[in-house]
Amino acid sequence: MIQIISGEKGKGKTKILLDKVNTSIKEAKGTIVYLDKNTKHMYELNNKVRLINVKDFFVESADEFMGFICGIASQDSDLEKIYLDSFLDIACLKDKDISPVISKLDLISAKFNFDLIISISIPADKLPEIAKDKVIVAL
């Protein structure tokens, strides 16, 4: 399942995402992963959360990003949730249609039974139709 936190840049999406990940780790039975474009929030995350700086892995396209997600899913059968901050940056989707990636992420998360909580710097009303029903917080 995909959940989206949407809103313009600088509206507080990351704080909400960090609160959600730190709350969910308390009752997690599996692995929680937090993907970001840097390690700036390392000390704000519970130490049981696995922080991955996607930029360290030279992801340079949406296809490579999808491969990266599949790699995480394939190596961890206990994967419960993936939190994605700065989605447009780490998925290489700035100024591009996010629909195909959202669609594929939906399939992957359903097949491998983990949730994706995504922070997207796009107002909820400007998201593509495939993403609008997945918005849990609109800022």
C-alpha atoms as a PDB file:
ATOM      1  CA  MET A   1       0.000   0.000   0.000  1.00  0.00           C
ATOM      2  CA  ILE A   2       1.170   3.516  -0.779  1.00  0.00           C
ATOM      3  CA  GLN A   3       0.444   6.530   1.388  1.00  0.00           C
ATOM      4  CA  ILE A   4       1.382  10.033   0.248  1.00  0.00           C
ATOM      5  CA  ILE A   5       2.212  13.179   2.179  1.00  0.00           C
ATOM      6  CA  SER A   6       1.936  15.990  -0.359  1.00  0.00           C
ATOM      7  CA  GLY A   7       2.510  19.714  -0.388  1.00  0.00           C
ATOM      8  CA  GLU A   8       4.760  22.469  -1.623  1.00  0.00           C
ATOM      9  CA  LYS A   9       8.432  22.448  -0.699  1.00  0.00           C
ATOM     10  CA  GLY A  10       9.015  23.788   2.821  1.00  0.00           C
ATOM     11  CA  LYS A  11       5.528  23.043   4.188  1.00  0.00           C
ATOM     12  CA  GLY A  12       6.640  20.470   6.828  1.00  0.00           C
ATOM     13  CA  LYS A  13       6.279  17.130   5.037  1.00  0.00           C
ATOM     14  CA  THR A  14       9.590  15.796   6.367  1.00  0.00           C
ATOM     15  CA  LYS A  15       8.643  16.473   9.983  1.00  0.00           C
ATOM     16  CA  ILE A  16       5.397  14.555   9.511  1.00  0.00           C
ATOM     17  CA  LEU A  17       7.279  11.703   7.820  1.00  0.00           C
ATOM     18  CA  LEU A  18       9.847  11.558  10.655  1.00  0.00           C
ATOM     19  CA  ASP A  19       7.051  11.525  13.260  1.00  0.00           C
ATOM     20  CA  LYS A  20       5.332   8.683  11.388  1.00  0.00           C
ATOM     21  CA  VAL A  21       8.488   6.557  11.087  1.00  0.00           C
ATOM     22  CA  ASN A  22       9.447   7.034  14.739  1.00  0.00           C
ATOM     23  CA  THR A  23       5.914   6.165  15.858  1.00  0.00           C
ATOM     24  CA  SER A  24       5.677   3.092  13.616  1.00  0.00           C
ATOM     25  CA  ILE A  25       8.984   1.612  14.828  1.00  0.00           C
ATOM     26  CA  LYS A  26       7.485   1.148  18.302  1.00  0.00           C
ATOM     27  CA  GLU A  27       5.053  -1.504  17.052  1.00  0.00           C
ATOM     28  CA  ALA A  28       7.011  -2.814  14.078  1.00  0.00           C
ATOM     29  CA  LYS A  29       7.619  -6.522  13.814  1.00  0.00           C
ATOM     30  CA  GLY A  30       9.725  -6.227  10.659  1.00  0.00           C
ATOM     31  CA  THR A  31      12.267  -3.919   9.089  1.00  0.00           C
ATOM     32  CA  ILE A  32      11.640  -0.200   8.619  1.00  0.00           C
ATOM     33  CA  VAL A  33      13.687   1.636   5.978  1.00  0.00           C
ATOM     34  CA  TYR A  34      13.965   5.405   5.470  1.00  0.00           C
ATOM     35  CA  LEU A  35      15.222   6.586   2.076  1.00  0.00           C
ATOM     36  CA  ASP A  36      16.505  10.125   1.674  1.00  0.00           C
ATOM     37  CA  LYS A  37      18.825  12.198  -0.509  1.00  0.00           C
ATOM     38  CA  ASN A  38      21.299  12.714   2.372  1.00  0.00           C
ATOM     39  CA  THR A  39      21.897  11.735   6.013  1.00  0.00           C
ATOM     40  CA  LYS A  40      20.784  15.081   7.462  1.00  0.00           C
ATOM     41  CA  HIS A  41      17.989  13.471   9.514  1.00  0.00           C
ATOM     42  CA  MET A  42      20.095  10.608  10.892  1.00  0.00           C
ATOM     43  CA  TYR A  43      19.864  11.798  14.495  1.00  0.00           C
ATOM     44  CA  GLU A  44      16.126  12.440  14.287  1.00  0.00           C
ATOM     45  CA  LEU A  45      15.402   8.795  13.447  1.00  0.00           C
ATOM     46  CA  ASN A  46      15.059   5.980  15.943  1.00  0.00           C
ATOM     47  CA  ASN A  47      18.227   3.856  15.794  1.00  0.00           C
ATOM     48  CA  LYS A  48      16.185   0.806  14.753  1.00  0.00           C
ATOM     49  CA  VAL A  49      15.269   2.504  11.461  1.00  0.00           C
ATOM     50  CA  ARG A  50      17.606   1.765   8.574  1.00  0.00           C
ATOM     51  CA  LEU A  51      18.524   5.064   6.898  1.00  0.00           C
ATOM     52  CA  ILE A  52      19.716   4.805   3.306  1.00  0.00           C
ATOM     53  CA  ASN A  53      21.147   7.771   1.435  1.00  0.00           C
ATOM     54  CA  VAL A  54      20.034   6.965  -2.112  1.00  0.00           C
ATOM     55  CA  LYS A  55      22.578   9.405  -3.571  1.00  0.00           C
ATOM     56  CA  ASP A  56      25.374   7.119  -2.266  1.00  0.00           C
ATOM     57  CA  PHE A  57      24.237   4.488  -4.784  1.00  0.00           C
ATOM     58  CA  PHE A  58      24.429   6.702  -7.913  1.00  0.00           C
ATOM     59  CA  VAL A  59      20.742   6.325  -8.805  1.00  0.00           C
ATOM     60  CA  GLU A  60      20.361   8.513 -11.889  1.00  0.00           C
ATOM     61  CA  SER A  61      16.999   7.574 -13.416  1.00  0.00           C
ATOM     62  CA  ALA A  62      13.524   6.444 -12.457  1.00  0.00           C
ATOM     63  CA  ASP A  63      14.327   2.956 -13.792  1.00  0.00           C
ATOM     64  CA  GLU A  64      17.420   2.728 -11.609  1.00  0.00           C
ATOM     65  CA  PHE A  65      15.336   3.910  -8.654  1.00  0.00           C
ATOM     66  CA  MET A  66      12.807   1.134  -9.277  1.00  0.00           C
ATOM     67  CA  GLY A  67      15.666  -1.370  -9.394  1.00  0.00           C
ATOM     68  CA  PHE A  68      16.932   0.042  -6.111  1.00  0.00           C
ATOM     69  CA  ILE A  69      13.522  -0.461  -4.467  1.00  0.00           C
ATOM     70  CA  CYS A  70      13.318  -4.002  -5.854  1.00  0.00           C
ATOM     71  CA  GLY A  71      16.791  -4.688  -4.478  1.00  0.00           C
ATOM     72  CA  ILE A  72      15.719  -3.600  -1.007  1.00  0.00           C
ATOM     73  CA  ALA A  73      12.572  -5.732  -1.222  1.00  0.00           C
ATOM     74  CA  SER A  74      14.451  -8.782  -2.523  1.00  0.00           C
ATOM     75  CA  GLN A  75      17.094  -8.796   0.203  1.00  0.00           C
ATOM     76  CA  ASP A  76      14.759  -8.364   3.181  1.00  0.00           C
ATOM     77  CA  SER A  77      11.848 -10.745   3.618  1.00  0.00           C
ATOM     78  CA  ASP A  78      10.947  -8.974   6.887  1.00  0.00           C
ATOM     79  CA  LEU A  79      10.512  -5.604   5.179  1.00  0.00           C
ATOM     80  CA  GLU A  80       7.477  -3.886   6.669  1.00  0.00           C
ATOM     81  CA  LYS A  81       7.653  -0.239   5.565  1.00  0.00           C
ATOM     82  CA  ILE A  82       9.728   2.047   3.387  1.00  0.00           C
ATOM     83  CA  TYR A  83       9.556   5.775   4.040  1.00  0.00           C
ATOM     84  CA  LEU A  84      10.653   7.947   1.112  1.00  0.00           C
ATOM     85  CA  ASP A  85      11.583  11.565   1.738  1.00  0.00           C
ATOM     86  CA  SER A  86      12.295  13.954  -1.146  1.00  0.00           C
ATOM     87  CA  PHE A  87      10.635  11.466  -3.512  1.00  0.00           C
ATOM     88  CA  LEU A  88      10.966  13.569  -6.658  1.00  0.00           C
ATOM     89  CA  ASP A  89      14.728  13.921  -6.071  1.00  0.00           C
ATOM     90  CA  ILE A  90      15.606  10.361  -5.095  1.00  0.00           C
ATOM     91  CA  ALA A  91      13.376   8.819  -7.787  1.00  0.00           C
ATOM     92  CA  CYS A  92      14.758  11.193 -10.448  1.00  0.00           C
ATOM     93  CA  LEU A  93      11.253  12.457 -11.254  1.00  0.00           C
ATOM     94  CA  LYS A  94      11.577  16.236 -11.037  1.00  0.00           C
ATOM     95  CA  ASP A  95       9.383  17.778 -13.759  1.00  0.00           C
ATOM     96  CA  LYS A  96       8.303  14.302 -14.950  1.00  0.00           C
ATOM     97  CA  ASP A  97       5.106  12.264 -14.806  1.00  0.00           C
ATOM     98  CA  ILE A  98       5.151  10.245 -11.586  1.00  0.00           C
ATOM     99  CA  SER A  99       2.221   8.010 -12.618  1.00  0.00           C
ATOM    100  CA  PRO A 100       4.233   5.057 -14.018  1.00  0.00           C
ATOM    101  CA  VAL A 101       6.478   4.937 -10.949  1.00  0.00           C
ATOM    102  CA  ILE A 102       3.546   5.183  -8.517  1.00  0.00           C
ATOM    103  CA  SER A 103       1.766   2.420 -10.435  1.00  0.00           C
ATOM    104  CA  LYS A 104       4.790   0.125 -10.329  1.00  0.00           C
ATOM    105  CA  LEU A 105       5.504   0.882  -6.660  1.00  0.00           C
ATOM    106  CA  ASP A 106       1.892  -0.052  -5.914  1.00  0.00           C
ATOM    107  CA  LEU A 107       2.385  -3.436  -7.616  1.00  0.00           C
ATOM    108  CA  ILE A 108       5.698  -4.121  -5.884  1.00  0.00           C
ATOM    109  CA  SER A 109       4.436  -3.181  -2.421  1.00  0.00           C
ATOM    110  CA  ALA A 110       1.365  -5.392  -2.857  1.00  0.00           C
ATOM    111  CA  LYS A 111       3.351  -8.363  -4.176  1.00  0.00           C
ATOM    112  CA  PHE A 112       5.972  -8.234  -1.417  1.00  0.00           C
ATOM    113  CA  ASN A 113       3.600  -7.063   1.321  1.00  0.00           C
ATOM    114  CA  PHE A 114       5.187  -3.840   2.554  1.00  0.00           C
ATOM    115  CA  ASP A 115       3.942  -0.269   2.818  1.00  0.00           C
ATOM    116  CA  LEU A 116       5.424   2.824   1.199  1.00  0.00           C
ATOM    117  CA  ILE A 117       4.961   6.209   2.815  1.00  0.00           C
ATOM    118  CA  ILE A 118       6.055   8.900   0.381  1.00  0.00           C
ATOM    119  CA  SER A 119       6.734  12.614   0.786  1.00  0.00           C
ATOM    120  CA  ILE A 120       6.075  14.434  -2.513  1.00  0.00           C
ATOM    121  CA  SER A 121       6.639  18.149  -3.152  1.00  0.00           C
ATOM    122  CA  ILE A 122       3.503  18.509  -5.245  1.00  0.00           C
ATOM    123  CA  PRO A 123       0.216  19.943  -3.932  1.00  0.00           C
ATOM    124  CA  ALA A 124      -2.468  17.245  -3.589  1.00  0.00           C
ATOM    125  CA  ASP A 125      -4.703  18.834  -6.218  1.00  0.00           C
ATOM    126  CA  LYS A 126      -1.894  18.724  -8.793  1.00  0.00           C
ATOM    127  CA  LEU A 127      -1.040  15.045  -8.317  1.00  0.00           C
ATOM    128  CA  PRO A 128      -1.965  12.640 -11.119  1.00  0.00           C
ATOM    129  CA  GLU A 129      -5.234  10.756 -10.684  1.00  0.00           C
ATOM    130  CA  ILE A 130      -3.458   7.509  -9.743  1.00  0.00           C
ATOM    131  CA  ALA A 131      -1.949   9.225  -6.683  1.00  0.00           C
ATOM    132  CA  LYS A 132      -4.823  11.395  -5.432  1.00  0.00           C
ATOM    133  CA  ASP A 133      -6.610   8.643  -3.496  1.00  0.00           C
ATOM    134  CA  LYS A 134      -3.349   7.724  -1.736  1.00  0.00           C
ATOM    135  CA  VAL A 135      -2.901  11.130  -0.051  1.00  0.00           C
ATOM    136  CA  ILE A 136      -3.063  10.891   3.755  1.00  0.00           C
ATOM    137  CA  VAL A 137      -1.729  14.400   4.481  1.00  0.00           C
ATOM    138  CA  ALA A 138      -2.069  17.417   2.177  1.00  0.00           C
ATOM    139  CA  LEU A 139      -0.174  20.560   3.194  1.00  0.00           C
END
